[in-house]
Amino acid sequence: MSGGSWNYLYYEIDDIADTLIQDKDPLRKAFGKKMKYIAQALRDIEWVDSGDYEKGEEVEAIEKALAR
């Protein structure tokens, strides 16, 4: 199992994002979609910090999250 250095927080963020994406409110739905990018960036950060990815492999996901 990869990760662990951030207690797999990205799982919770991803679950919240999925719930918001299903909401009828367009603002909540849009926020949920942004949170998917944040969850991916957090996952990649966690995997770098845990030694499962090389330093720098998180950069693309972070940039995507910031651009959305």
Protein backbone atom coordinates (compact mmCIF):
# COMPACT_ATOMS: atom_id res chain seq x y z
CA MET A 1 0.00 0.00 0.00
CA SER A 2 1.37 3.38 -0.97
CA GLY A 3 1.10 6.59 0.92
CA GLY A 4 0.44 6.91 4.60
CA SER A 5 2.46 9.97 5.48
CA TRP A 6 -0.69 12.11 5.38
CA ASN A 7 -3.00 9.41 6.76
CA TYR A 8 -4.65 8.95 3.34
CA LEU A 9 -6.51 12.25 3.71
CA TYR A 10 -6.96 12.37 -0.05
CA TYR A 11 -9.46 9.48 0.22
CA GLU A 12 -11.75 11.62 2.37
CA ILE A 13 -11.41 14.63 0.07
CA ASP A 14 -12.18 12.43 -2.93
CA ASP A 15 -15.28 11.00 -1.22
CA ILE A 16 -16.54 14.49 -0.38
CA ALA A 17 -15.92 15.56 -3.98
CA ASP A 18 -17.96 12.61 -5.28
CA THR A 19 -20.86 13.56 -3.00
CA LEU A 20 -20.78 17.21 -4.08
CA ILE A 21 -20.63 16.29 -7.76
CA GLN A 22 -23.93 14.44 -7.32
CA ASP A 23 -25.61 17.50 -5.76
CA LYS A 24 -28.27 19.37 -7.75
CA ASP A 25 -26.81 22.74 -6.82
CA PRO A 26 -24.48 23.80 -9.68
CA LEU A 27 -22.13 25.65 -7.34
CA ARG A 28 -21.66 22.58 -5.13
CA LYS A 29 -21.21 20.42 -8.23
CA ALA A 30 -18.52 22.76 -9.56
CA PHE A 31 -16.76 22.81 -6.20
CA GLY A 32 -16.82 19.01 -6.11
CA LYS A 33 -15.17 18.88 -9.53
CA LYS A 34 -12.40 21.20 -8.30
CA MET A 35 -11.97 19.03 -5.22
CA LYS A 36 -11.24 16.01 -7.47
CA TYR A 37 -8.13 17.82 -8.71
CA ILE A 38 -7.20 18.75 -5.14
CA ALA A 39 -7.61 15.14 -4.02
CA GLN A 40 -5.32 13.96 -6.85
CA ALA A 41 -2.69 16.54 -5.90
CA LEU A 42 -2.90 15.49 -2.25
CA ARG A 43 -2.51 11.85 -3.26
CA ASP A 44 0.59 12.59 -5.29
CA ILE A 45 2.06 14.74 -2.50
CA GLU A 46 1.43 11.94 -0.02
CA TRP A 47 3.07 9.36 -2.26
CA VAL A 48 6.13 11.59 -2.73
CA ASP A 49 6.35 12.20 1.00
CA SER A 50 6.01 8.46 1.64
CA GLY A 51 8.77 7.62 -0.81
CA ASP A 52 6.50 5.88 -3.34
CA TYR A 53 7.01 8.60 -5.98
CA GLU A 54 10.14 10.57 -6.78
CA LYS A 55 10.35 14.23 -5.74
CA GLY A 56 8.72 16.33 -8.46
CA GLU A 57 6.17 13.72 -9.56
CA GLU A 58 3.51 15.67 -7.66
CA VAL A 59 4.09 18.90 -9.58
CA GLU A 60 1.76 18.21 -12.51
CA ALA A 61 -1.18 17.35 -10.23
CA ILE A 62 -0.57 20.43 -8.09
CA GLU A 63 -0.46 22.64 -11.18
CA LYS A 64 -3.73 21.16 -12.45
CA ALA A 65 -5.40 21.75 -9.09
CA LEU A 66 -4.22 25.35 -9.01
CA ALA A 67 -5.30 25.99 -12.60
CA ARG A 68 -8.87 24.81 -12.13
